[in-house]
Amino acid sequence: MNHLLDFSDIDRDVALKIIETTLKVRDGDQYEAKGHSVIKFEEPSTRTKVSFTIAAQKLGLDLILLEDQTSSQKKGESLDHEIQTLISLGVESLVIRTKEDNLDDYRRFENISIISAGFGSTSHPTQSILDIATLMKYEKLNGDVPLIFIGDIKHSRVYSSTKELLNLLGFQVGIFAPDFFIPEDTSGCHIFSTWDDVIDSNSSINLLRVQKERIDNIDDYDLNDYIHSFQLTNQILDKTASDFLAIHPMPMNIGVEISKEASENSKFKYIEQLSFGVPSRIASYLYGLGEI
């Protein structure tokens, strides 16, 4: 069994195999797996939770949905005891979403596959897999910087995981954001200064919402300035090439990182991107269970 908490323990060939499996499932290939999976979400979610649930059902896994309110951790049970209980009961995989950044607390467990469905601001590997699969579908995984993140990069777990994955695959990651939202560590990144630079790069873009719930000093930043300087609009999209690709990990805040008109533009491929949600989670389950 394998953990999929981030990409630190995965080599390039295995990462590509997971992405390729995602593409095959999206194109109609079917897979089966045996075992019991627990899905535990400590944060609100629509797309990720539903797609993991459907993925488990399509694979034929026995599925248990464990809400944080019904977990024995509410009674004071330690993480060690909770995970050991699941292992003792025959659970083969645990999918977890949490506001914490405690990946290493889970990494040490054996005899169970633990898959991150989002940890704090550091980890969301299955979202990164589906985003890169989307780029591959449109033959946009090329150049030195295939994808530019625009928005609240500093607090984004999607950015953190995708940077890790793209660097593993041999690419840099683009950043276009106000200083307030640029992370301290920009190694493996290329920083863009203007929309014109972004457009001229012929890279795809990934829009990120401003994550107010994770920003203690959000009142120190003028959101109107962000909207004026960094919002994606139809006027910007009109300047891009015909095959320009814009995606968004969702949920989107229309009127902030994207205008209503741009959200309806044919270059904004979030619906096509969403179609990789279940396939990426099927591929992630297969990797976790040792089938990839």
C-alpha atoms as a PDB file:
ATOM      1  CA  MET A   1       0.000   0.000   0.000  1.00  0.00           C
ATOM      2  CA  ASN A   2       1.064   3.583  -0.668  1.00  0.00           C
ATOM      3  CA  HIS A   3       0.265   6.951   0.857  1.00  0.00           C
ATOM      4  CA  LEU A   4      -0.661   9.825  -1.446  1.00  0.00           C
ATOM      5  CA  LEU A   5      -0.112  12.755   0.891  1.00  0.00           C
ATOM      6  CA  ASP A   6       2.162  14.679  -1.458  1.00  0.00           C
ATOM      7  CA  PHE A   7       4.673  13.797  -4.181  1.00  0.00           C
ATOM      8  CA  SER A   8       7.787  13.587  -2.016  1.00  0.00           C
ATOM      9  CA  ASP A   9       7.903   9.779  -2.109  1.00  0.00           C
ATOM     10  CA  ILE A  10       6.840   9.375  -5.743  1.00  0.00           C
ATOM     11  CA  ASP A  11       9.245   9.316  -8.682  1.00  0.00           C
ATOM     12  CA  ARG A  12       8.589  10.854 -12.086  1.00  0.00           C
ATOM     13  CA  ASP A  13       7.602   7.610 -13.818  1.00  0.00           C
ATOM     14  CA  VAL A  14       5.045   6.716 -11.152  1.00  0.00           C
ATOM     15  CA  ALA A  15       3.579  10.239 -11.235  1.00  0.00           C
ATOM     16  CA  LEU A  16       3.177   9.978 -14.996  1.00  0.00           C
ATOM     17  CA  LYS A  17       1.556   6.568 -14.610  1.00  0.00           C
ATOM     18  CA  ILE A  18      -1.031   8.011 -12.206  1.00  0.00           C
ATOM     19  CA  ILE A  19      -1.771  10.864 -14.632  1.00  0.00           C
ATOM     20  CA  GLU A  20      -1.946   8.477 -17.605  1.00  0.00           C
ATOM     21  CA  THR A  21      -4.347   6.233 -15.678  1.00  0.00           C
ATOM     22  CA  THR A  22      -6.498   9.300 -14.985  1.00  0.00           C
ATOM     23  CA  LEU A  23      -6.623  10.011 -18.730  1.00  0.00           C
ATOM     24  CA  LYS A  24      -7.507   6.384 -19.504  1.00  0.00           C
ATOM     25  CA  VAL A  25     -10.367   6.390 -17.003  1.00  0.00           C
ATOM     26  CA  ARG A  26     -11.593   9.688 -18.465  1.00  0.00           C
ATOM     27  CA  ASP A  27     -11.576   8.021 -21.899  1.00  0.00           C
ATOM     28  CA  GLY A  28     -13.649   5.071 -20.674  1.00  0.00           C
ATOM     29  CA  ASP A  29     -11.254   2.475 -19.251  1.00  0.00           C
ATOM     30  CA  GLN A  30     -12.691   0.681 -16.217  1.00  0.00           C
ATOM     31  CA  TYR A  31     -10.882  -0.705 -13.186  1.00  0.00           C
ATOM     32  CA  GLU A  32     -11.841  -2.729 -10.145  1.00  0.00           C
ATOM     33  CA  ALA A  33     -10.422  -2.886  -6.641  1.00  0.00           C
ATOM     34  CA  LYS A  34     -11.273  -4.660  -3.427  1.00  0.00           C
ATOM     35  CA  GLY A  35     -11.235  -3.383   0.124  1.00  0.00           C
ATOM     36  CA  HIS A  36     -12.762  -0.917   2.532  1.00  0.00           C
ATOM     37  CA  SER A  37     -12.298   2.832   2.304  1.00  0.00           C
ATOM     38  CA  VAL A  38     -13.083   5.463   4.918  1.00  0.00           C
ATOM     39  CA  ILE A  39     -13.674   9.009   3.721  1.00  0.00           C
ATOM     40  CA  LYS A  40     -13.276  11.585   6.500  1.00  0.00           C
ATOM     41  CA  PHE A  41     -13.763  15.285   5.833  1.00  0.00           C
ATOM     42  CA  GLU A  42     -13.108  17.845   8.572  1.00  0.00           C
ATOM     43  CA  GLU A  43     -13.756  20.761   6.195  1.00  0.00           C
ATOM     44  CA  PRO A  44     -16.646  21.582   3.853  1.00  0.00           C
ATOM     45  CA  SER A  45     -16.351  20.184   0.345  1.00  0.00           C
ATOM     46  CA  THR A  46     -18.510  19.460  -2.662  1.00  0.00           C
ATOM     47  CA  ARG A  47     -16.396  18.417  -5.654  1.00  0.00           C
ATOM     48  CA  THR A  48     -13.658  16.541  -3.800  1.00  0.00           C
ATOM     49  CA  LYS A  49     -15.958  14.647  -1.456  1.00  0.00           C
ATOM     50  CA  VAL A  50     -18.456  13.668  -4.147  1.00  0.00           C
ATOM     51  CA  SER A  51     -15.745  12.619  -6.599  1.00  0.00           C
ATOM     52  CA  PHE A  52     -13.941  10.437  -4.042  1.00  0.00           C
ATOM     53  CA  THR A  53     -17.270   8.843  -3.130  1.00  0.00           C
ATOM     54  CA  ILE A  54     -18.173   8.092  -6.744  1.00  0.00           C
ATOM     55  CA  ALA A  55     -14.639   6.870  -7.453  1.00  0.00           C
ATOM     56  CA  ALA A  56     -14.830   4.362  -4.595  1.00  0.00           C
ATOM     57  CA  GLN A  57     -18.228   3.167  -5.788  1.00  0.00           C
ATOM     58  CA  LYS A  58     -17.056   2.758  -9.387  1.00  0.00           C
ATOM     59  CA  LEU A  59     -14.073   0.693  -8.220  1.00  0.00           C
ATOM     60  CA  GLY A  60     -16.314  -1.510  -6.094  1.00  0.00           C
ATOM     61  CA  LEU A  61     -14.803  -0.519  -2.751  1.00  0.00           C
ATOM     62  CA  ASP A  62     -16.843  -0.848   0.423  1.00  0.00           C
ATOM     63  CA  LEU A  63     -17.273   2.745   1.522  1.00  0.00           C
ATOM     64  CA  ILE A  64     -17.704   4.324   4.957  1.00  0.00           C
ATOM     65  CA  LEU A  65     -18.326   8.080   5.219  1.00  0.00           C
ATOM     66  CA  LEU A  66     -17.000   9.362   8.538  1.00  0.00           C
ATOM     67  CA  GLU A  67     -17.922  12.923   9.412  1.00  0.00           C
ATOM     68  CA  ASP A  68     -15.670  14.758  11.867  1.00  0.00           C
ATOM     69  CA  GLN A  69     -18.627  15.155  14.208  1.00  0.00           C
ATOM     70  CA  THR A  70     -18.990  11.361  14.475  1.00  0.00           C
ATOM     71  CA  SER A  71     -15.296  10.619  14.861  1.00  0.00           C
ATOM     72  CA  SER A  72     -14.061   9.411  18.230  1.00  0.00           C
ATOM     73  CA  GLN A  73     -11.440  12.162  18.110  1.00  0.00           C
ATOM     74  CA  LYS A  74     -14.297  14.367  19.340  1.00  0.00           C
ATOM     75  CA  LYS A  75     -14.190  12.256  22.503  1.00  0.00           C
ATOM     76  CA  GLY A  76     -10.466  12.788  22.931  1.00  0.00           C
ATOM     77  CA  GLU A  77      -9.156   9.764  21.036  1.00  0.00           C
ATOM     78  CA  SER A  78      -5.611  10.223  19.728  1.00  0.00           C
ATOM     79  CA  LEU A  79      -4.767  10.078  16.027  1.00  0.00           C
ATOM     80  CA  ASP A  80      -2.654   6.949  16.649  1.00  0.00           C
ATOM     81  CA  HIS A  81      -5.557   5.113  18.235  1.00  0.00           C
ATOM     82  CA  GLU A  82      -8.003   6.190  15.535  1.00  0.00           C
ATOM     83  CA  ILE A  83      -5.771   4.980  12.679  1.00  0.00           C
ATOM     84  CA  GLN A  84      -4.851   1.763  14.459  1.00  0.00           C
ATOM     85  CA  THR A  85      -8.555   1.129  15.018  1.00  0.00           C
ATOM     86  CA  LEU A  86      -9.248   1.503  11.309  1.00  0.00           C
ATOM     87  CA  ILE A  87      -6.384  -0.850  10.449  1.00  0.00           C
ATOM     88  CA  SER A  88      -7.578  -3.429  12.996  1.00  0.00           C
ATOM     89  CA  LEU A  89     -11.091  -3.285  11.543  1.00  0.00           C
ATOM     90  CA  GLY A  90      -9.751  -4.091   8.081  1.00  0.00           C
ATOM     91  CA  VAL A  91      -9.836  -0.653   6.465  1.00  0.00           C
ATOM     92  CA  GLU A  92      -7.360  -0.515   3.585  1.00  0.00           C
ATOM     93  CA  SER A  93      -7.593   3.161   2.645  1.00  0.00           C
ATOM     94  CA  LEU A  94      -8.365   6.441   4.394  1.00  0.00           C
ATOM     95  CA  VAL A  95      -9.186   9.602   2.469  1.00  0.00           C
ATOM     96  CA  ILE A  96      -8.901  12.659   4.692  1.00  0.00           C
ATOM     97  CA  ARG A  97      -9.439  16.396   4.359  1.00  0.00           C
ATOM     98  CA  THR A  98      -8.332  18.639   7.208  1.00  0.00           C
ATOM     99  CA  LYS A  99      -7.452  22.245   7.960  1.00  0.00           C
ATOM    100  CA  GLU A 100      -4.234  21.037   9.616  1.00  0.00           C
ATOM    101  CA  ASP A 101      -0.815  20.908   7.943  1.00  0.00           C
ATOM    102  CA  ASN A 102       0.248  17.743   9.780  1.00  0.00           C
ATOM    103  CA  LEU A 103       1.158  15.487   6.861  1.00  0.00           C
ATOM    104  CA  ASP A 104       4.026  13.865   8.725  1.00  0.00           C
ATOM    105  CA  ASP A 105       1.688  12.682  11.476  1.00  0.00           C
ATOM    106  CA  TYR A 106       0.038  10.436   8.887  1.00  0.00           C
ATOM    107  CA  ARG A 107       3.069   9.497   6.813  1.00  0.00           C
ATOM    108  CA  ARG A 108       4.421   7.094   9.445  1.00  0.00           C
ATOM    109  CA  PHE A 109       1.430   4.719   9.444  1.00  0.00           C
ATOM    110  CA  GLU A 110       1.770   1.348   7.723  1.00  0.00           C
ATOM    111  CA  ASN A 111      -0.745  -1.259   6.528  1.00  0.00           C
ATOM    112  CA  ILE A 112      -3.163   1.415   5.346  1.00  0.00           C
ATOM    113  CA  SER A 113      -3.190   3.795   2.391  1.00  0.00           C
ATOM    114  CA  ILE A 114      -3.783   7.404   3.410  1.00  0.00           C
ATOM    115  CA  ILE A 115      -4.797   9.803   0.639  1.00  0.00           C
ATOM    116  CA  SER A 116      -4.848  13.563   1.077  1.00  0.00           C
ATOM    117  CA  ALA A 117      -8.069  15.217  -0.030  1.00  0.00           C
ATOM    118  CA  GLY A 118      -6.622  18.530   1.163  1.00  0.00           C
ATOM    119  CA  PHE A 119      -4.346  19.355   4.107  1.00  0.00           C
ATOM    120  CA  GLY A 120      -4.266  22.961   5.304  1.00  0.00           C
ATOM    121  CA  SER A 121      -2.378  25.102   2.799  1.00  0.00           C
ATOM    122  CA  THR A 122       0.203  22.474   1.874  1.00  0.00           C
ATOM    123  CA  SER A 123      -1.330  19.435   0.207  1.00  0.00           C
ATOM    124  CA  HIS A 124      -3.973  18.560  -2.389  1.00  0.00           C
ATOM    125  CA  PRO A 125      -2.286  16.037  -4.694  1.00  0.00           C
ATOM    126  CA  THR A 126      -5.387  14.599  -6.355  1.00  0.00           C
ATOM    127  CA  GLN A 127      -6.445  18.081  -7.500  1.00  0.00           C
ATOM    128  CA  SER A 128      -2.980  18.544  -8.987  1.00  0.00           C
ATOM    129  CA  ILE A 129      -3.289  15.225 -10.810  1.00  0.00           C
ATOM    130  CA  LEU A 130      -6.584  16.211 -12.416  1.00  0.00           C
ATOM    131  CA  ASP A 131      -5.266  19.667 -13.341  1.00  0.00           C
ATOM    132  CA  ILE A 132      -2.181  18.265 -15.048  1.00  0.00           C
ATOM    133  CA  ALA A 133      -4.321  15.632 -16.768  1.00  0.00           C
ATOM    134  CA  THR A 134      -6.436  18.502 -18.117  1.00  0.00           C
ATOM    135  CA  LEU A 135      -3.324  20.154 -19.541  1.00  0.00           C
ATOM    136  CA  MET A 136      -2.252  16.872 -21.135  1.00  0.00           C
ATOM    137  CA  LYS A 137      -5.688  16.387 -22.719  1.00  0.00           C
ATOM    138  CA  TYR A 138      -5.340  19.752 -24.438  1.00  0.00           C
ATOM    139  CA  GLU A 139      -1.664  19.093 -25.264  1.00  0.00           C
ATOM    140  CA  LYS A 140      -0.642  22.040 -23.084  1.00  0.00           C
ATOM    141  CA  LEU A 141       1.932  20.318 -20.865  1.00  0.00           C
ATOM    142  CA  ASN A 142       4.882  21.831 -22.690  1.00  0.00           C
ATOM    143  CA  GLY A 143       7.409  24.633 -22.560  1.00  0.00           C
ATOM    144  CA  ASP A 144       9.469  25.614 -19.551  1.00  0.00           C
ATOM    145  CA  VAL A 145       6.441  27.005 -17.660  1.00  0.00           C
ATOM    146  CA  PRO A 146       3.276  25.177 -18.738  1.00  0.00           C
ATOM    147  CA  LEU A 147       1.058  26.601 -15.986  1.00  0.00           C
ATOM    148  CA  ILE A 148       0.850  29.994 -14.286  1.00  0.00           C
ATOM    149  CA  PHE A 149      -0.964  30.408 -10.974  1.00  0.00           C
ATOM    150  CA  ILE A 150      -2.802  33.676 -10.516  1.00  0.00           C
ATOM    151  CA  GLY A 151      -4.301  34.741  -7.197  1.00  0.00           C
ATOM    152  CA  ASP A 152      -3.845  33.783  -3.572  1.00  0.00           C
ATOM    153  CA  ILE A 153      -0.833  31.550  -4.074  1.00  0.00           C
ATOM    154  CA  LYS A 154       0.534  31.921  -0.563  1.00  0.00           C
ATOM    155  CA  HIS A 155      -2.386  30.118   1.087  1.00  0.00           C
ATOM    156  CA  SER A 156      -3.172  27.618  -1.673  1.00  0.00           C
ATOM    157  CA  ARG A 157      -2.690  23.871  -1.161  1.00  0.00           C
ATOM    158  CA  VAL A 158      -3.471  23.364  -4.856  1.00  0.00           C
ATOM    159  CA  TYR A 159      -0.487  25.540  -5.756  1.00  0.00           C
ATOM    160  CA  SER A 160       1.766  23.741  -3.248  1.00  0.00           C
ATOM    161  CA  SER A 161       0.979  20.294  -4.624  1.00  0.00           C
ATOM    162  CA  THR A 162       1.008  21.325  -8.279  1.00  0.00           C
ATOM    163  CA  LYS A 163       4.345  23.060  -7.907  1.00  0.00           C
ATOM    164  CA  GLU A 164       5.714  19.859  -6.391  1.00  0.00           C
ATOM    165  CA  LEU A 165       4.259  17.739  -9.191  1.00  0.00           C
ATOM    166  CA  LEU A 166       5.347  19.989 -12.050  1.00  0.00           C
ATOM    167  CA  ASN A 167       8.862  20.338 -10.632  1.00  0.00           C
ATOM    168  CA  LEU A 168       8.980  16.538 -10.374  1.00  0.00           C
ATOM    169  CA  LEU A 169       8.006  16.311 -14.054  1.00  0.00           C
ATOM    170  CA  GLY A 170      10.786  18.717 -15.002  1.00  0.00           C
ATOM    171  CA  PHE A 171       8.876  22.009 -15.338  1.00  0.00           C
ATOM    172  CA  GLN A 172       8.839  25.353 -13.597  1.00  0.00           C
ATOM    173  CA  VAL A 173       5.653  26.865 -12.197  1.00  0.00           C
ATOM    174  CA  GLY A 174       4.518  30.368 -13.048  1.00  0.00           C
ATOM    175  CA  ILE A 175       3.383  32.905 -10.448  1.00  0.00           C
ATOM    176  CA  PHE A 176       1.427  36.096 -11.117  1.00  0.00           C
ATOM    177  CA  ALA A 177       0.126  37.713  -7.953  1.00  0.00           C
ATOM    178  CA  PRO A 178       0.454  40.763  -5.712  1.00  0.00           C
ATOM    179  CA  ASP A 179       3.292  40.651  -3.192  1.00  0.00           C
ATOM    180  CA  PHE A 180       0.717  40.018  -0.442  1.00  0.00           C
ATOM    181  CA  PHE A 181      -0.076  36.612  -1.962  1.00  0.00           C
ATOM    182  CA  ILE A 182       3.391  35.466  -3.064  1.00  0.00           C
ATOM    183  CA  PRO A 183       4.868  32.641  -0.919  1.00  0.00           C
ATOM    184  CA  GLU A 184       8.241  32.983   0.781  1.00  0.00           C
ATOM    185  CA  ASP A 185       9.734  30.036  -1.127  1.00  0.00           C
ATOM    186  CA  THR A 186       9.630  30.651  -4.874  1.00  0.00           C
ATOM    187  CA  SER A 187      12.259  28.086  -5.870  1.00  0.00           C
ATOM    188  CA  GLY A 188      11.204  26.173  -8.958  1.00  0.00           C
ATOM    189  CA  CYS A 189       9.016  29.115  -9.998  1.00  0.00           C
ATOM    190  CA  HIS A 190       9.042  31.842 -12.609  1.00  0.00           C
ATOM    191  CA  ILE A 191       7.476  35.116 -11.463  1.00  0.00           C
ATOM    192  CA  PHE A 192       5.466  37.143 -13.993  1.00  0.00           C
ATOM    193  CA  SER A 193       4.981  40.885 -13.550  1.00  0.00           C
ATOM    194  CA  THR A 194       2.163  41.808 -15.958  1.00  0.00           C
ATOM    195  CA  TRP A 195      -0.764  40.310 -17.823  1.00  0.00           C
ATOM    196  CA  ASP A 196       1.119  40.995 -21.050  1.00  0.00           C
ATOM    197  CA  ASP A 197       3.966  38.791 -19.834  1.00  0.00           C
ATOM    198  CA  VAL A 198       1.474  36.053 -18.980  1.00  0.00           C
ATOM    199  CA  ILE A 199      -0.175  36.270 -22.401  1.00  0.00           C
ATOM    200  CA  ASP A 200       3.149  36.326 -24.265  1.00  0.00           C
ATOM    201  CA  SER A 201       4.333  33.181 -22.433  1.00  0.00           C
ATOM    202  CA  ASN A 202       1.654  31.061 -24.152  1.00  0.00           C
ATOM    203  CA  SER A 203       1.285  29.216 -20.841  1.00  0.00           C
ATOM    204  CA  SER A 204      -2.028  28.060 -19.407  1.00  0.00           C
ATOM    205  CA  ILE A 205      -3.327  29.716 -16.249  1.00  0.00           C
ATOM    206  CA  ASN A 206      -4.850  28.383 -13.034  1.00  0.00           C
ATOM    207  CA  LEU A 207      -6.942  30.928 -11.155  1.00  0.00           C
ATOM    208  CA  LEU A 208      -7.045  30.793  -7.363  1.00  0.00           C
ATOM    209  CA  ARG A 209      -9.630  32.357  -5.099  1.00  0.00           C
ATOM    210  CA  VAL A 210      -8.649  34.630  -2.229  1.00  0.00           C
ATOM    211  CA  GLN A 211      -8.825  32.264   0.746  1.00  0.00           C
ATOM    212  CA  LYS A 212     -10.098  34.667   3.389  1.00  0.00           C
ATOM    213  CA  GLU A 213     -10.629  31.863   5.909  1.00  0.00           C
ATOM    214  CA  ARG A 214      -6.863  31.206   6.004  1.00  0.00           C
ATOM    215  CA  ILE A 215      -5.655  34.819   6.122  1.00  0.00           C
ATOM    216  CA  ASP A 216      -5.391  36.374   9.569  1.00  0.00           C
ATOM    217  CA  ASN A 217      -4.522  39.840   8.273  1.00  0.00           C
ATOM    218  CA  ILE A 218      -6.865  39.995   5.259  1.00  0.00           C
ATOM    219  CA  ASP A 219      -8.005  43.470   6.327  1.00  0.00           C
ATOM    220  CA  ASP A 220      -4.473  44.696   5.573  1.00  0.00           C
ATOM    221  CA  TYR A 221      -5.028  44.083   1.861  1.00  0.00           C
ATOM    222  CA  ASP A 222      -7.147  46.129  -0.525  1.00  0.00           C
ATOM    223  CA  LEU A 223      -9.241  43.562  -2.403  1.00  0.00           C
ATOM    224  CA  ASN A 224     -10.357  46.202  -4.891  1.00  0.00           C
ATOM    225  CA  ASP A 225      -6.734  46.609  -5.950  1.00  0.00           C
ATOM    226  CA  TYR A 226      -6.550  42.853  -6.560  1.00  0.00           C
ATOM    227  CA  ILE A 227      -9.728  42.958  -8.662  1.00  0.00           C
ATOM    228  CA  HIS A 228      -8.395  45.862 -10.713  1.00  0.00           C
ATOM    229  CA  SER A 229      -4.960  44.352 -11.360  1.00  0.00           C
ATOM    230  CA  PHE A 230      -5.378  40.578 -11.375  1.00  0.00           C
ATOM    231  CA  GLN A 231      -8.966  39.679 -12.240  1.00  0.00           C
ATOM    232  CA  LEU A 232      -9.347  37.655 -15.449  1.00  0.00           C
ATOM    233  CA  THR A 233     -11.685  39.462 -17.851  1.00  0.00           C
ATOM    234  CA  ASN A 234     -12.880  38.995 -21.419  1.00  0.00           C
ATOM    235  CA  GLN A 235     -10.704  41.949 -22.400  1.00  0.00           C
ATOM    236  CA  ILE A 236      -7.666  39.942 -21.304  1.00  0.00           C
ATOM    237  CA  LEU A 237      -8.902  36.708 -22.881  1.00  0.00           C
ATOM    238  CA  ASP A 238      -9.426  38.521 -26.196  1.00  0.00           C
ATOM    239  CA  LYS A 239      -5.670  39.140 -26.320  1.00  0.00           C
ATOM    240  CA  THR A 240      -4.773  35.451 -25.922  1.00  0.00           C
ATOM    241  CA  ALA A 241      -4.211  32.784 -28.561  1.00  0.00           C
ATOM    242  CA  SER A 242      -7.136  30.688 -29.805  1.00  0.00           C
ATOM    243  CA  ASP A 243      -5.899  27.647 -27.868  1.00  0.00           C
ATOM    244  CA  PHE A 244      -5.379  29.527 -24.598  1.00  0.00           C
ATOM    245  CA  LEU A 245      -6.439  27.475 -21.565  1.00  0.00           C
ATOM    246  CA  ALA A 246      -7.703  28.803 -18.232  1.00  0.00           C
ATOM    247  CA  ILE A 247      -8.720  26.513 -15.351  1.00  0.00           C
ATOM    248  CA  HIS A 248      -9.807  26.898 -11.730  1.00  0.00           C
ATOM    249  CA  PRO A 249      -9.737  24.387  -8.828  1.00  0.00           C
ATOM    250  CA  MET A 250     -13.053  25.807  -7.569  1.00  0.00           C
ATOM    251  CA  PRO A 251     -15.021  27.127  -5.854  1.00  0.00           C
ATOM    252  CA  MET A 252     -14.737  30.374  -7.786  1.00  0.00           C
ATOM    253  CA  ASN A 253     -15.685  33.808  -6.560  1.00  0.00           C
ATOM    254  CA  ILE A 254     -17.131  35.536  -9.605  1.00  0.00           C
ATOM    255  CA  GLY A 255     -16.331  39.215  -9.477  1.00  0.00           C
ATOM    256  CA  VAL A 256     -13.036  38.684  -7.664  1.00  0.00           C
ATOM    257  CA  GLU A 257     -10.523  36.432  -9.483  1.00  0.00           C
ATOM    258  CA  ILE A 258     -12.715  36.225 -12.608  1.00  0.00           C
ATOM    259  CA  SER A 259     -15.439  38.353 -14.125  1.00  0.00           C
ATOM    260  CA  LYS A 260     -18.858  36.865 -14.892  1.00  0.00           C
ATOM    261  CA  GLU A 261     -18.268  37.287 -18.629  1.00  0.00           C
ATOM    262  CA  ALA A 262     -14.873  35.566 -18.480  1.00  0.00           C
ATOM    263  CA  SER A 263     -16.372  32.685 -16.482  1.00  0.00           C
ATOM    264  CA  GLU A 264     -18.610  32.000 -19.500  1.00  0.00           C
ATOM    265  CA  ASN A 265     -15.798  32.287 -22.065  1.00  0.00           C
ATOM    266  CA  SER A 266     -14.992  29.149 -24.101  1.00  0.00           C
ATOM    267  CA  LYS A 267     -11.297  29.462 -23.133  1.00  0.00           C
ATOM    268  CA  PHE A 268     -12.224  28.887 -19.494  1.00  0.00           C
ATOM    269  CA  LYS A 269     -12.322  25.073 -19.338  1.00  0.00           C
ATOM    270  CA  TYR A 270     -13.482  24.441 -15.781  1.00  0.00           C
ATOM    271  CA  ILE A 271     -16.305  22.111 -16.863  1.00  0.00           C
ATOM    272  CA  GLU A 272     -13.882  19.942 -18.843  1.00  0.00           C
ATOM    273  CA  GLN A 273     -11.483  20.140 -15.887  1.00  0.00           C
ATOM    274  CA  LEU A 274     -14.229  18.887 -13.531  1.00  0.00           C
ATOM    275  CA  SER A 275     -14.678  15.815 -15.727  1.00  0.00           C
ATOM    276  CA  PHE A 276     -11.293  14.601 -14.491  1.00  0.00           C
ATOM    277  CA  GLY A 277     -12.396  14.710 -10.837  1.00  0.00           C
ATOM    278  CA  VAL A 278     -13.628  11.129 -10.555  1.00  0.00           C
ATOM    279  CA  PRO A 279     -10.905   9.664 -12.850  1.00  0.00           C
ATOM    280  CA  SER A 280      -8.130  11.307 -10.811  1.00  0.00           C
ATOM    281  CA  ARG A 281      -9.541   9.859  -7.586  1.00  0.00           C
ATOM    282  CA  ILE A 282      -9.905   6.408  -9.173  1.00  0.00           C
ATOM    283  CA  ALA A 283      -6.241   6.568 -10.223  1.00  0.00           C
ATOM    284  CA  SER A 284      -5.295   7.763  -6.733  1.00  0.00           C
ATOM    285  CA  TYR A 285      -7.125   4.867  -5.084  1.00  0.00           C
ATOM    286  CA  LEU A 286      -5.397   2.428  -7.444  1.00  0.00           C
ATOM    287  CA  TYR A 287      -2.003   3.885  -6.557  1.00  0.00           C
ATOM    288  CA  GLY A 288      -2.777   3.805  -2.853  1.00  0.00           C
ATOM    289  CA  LEU A 289      -3.869   0.172  -3.015  1.00  0.00           C
ATOM    290  CA  GLY A 290      -0.738  -0.852  -4.907  1.00  0.00           C
ATOM    291  CA  GLU A 291      -2.453  -1.394  -8.262  1.00  0.00           C
ATOM    292  CA  ILE A 292      -0.258   1.190 -10.014  1.00  0.00           C
END
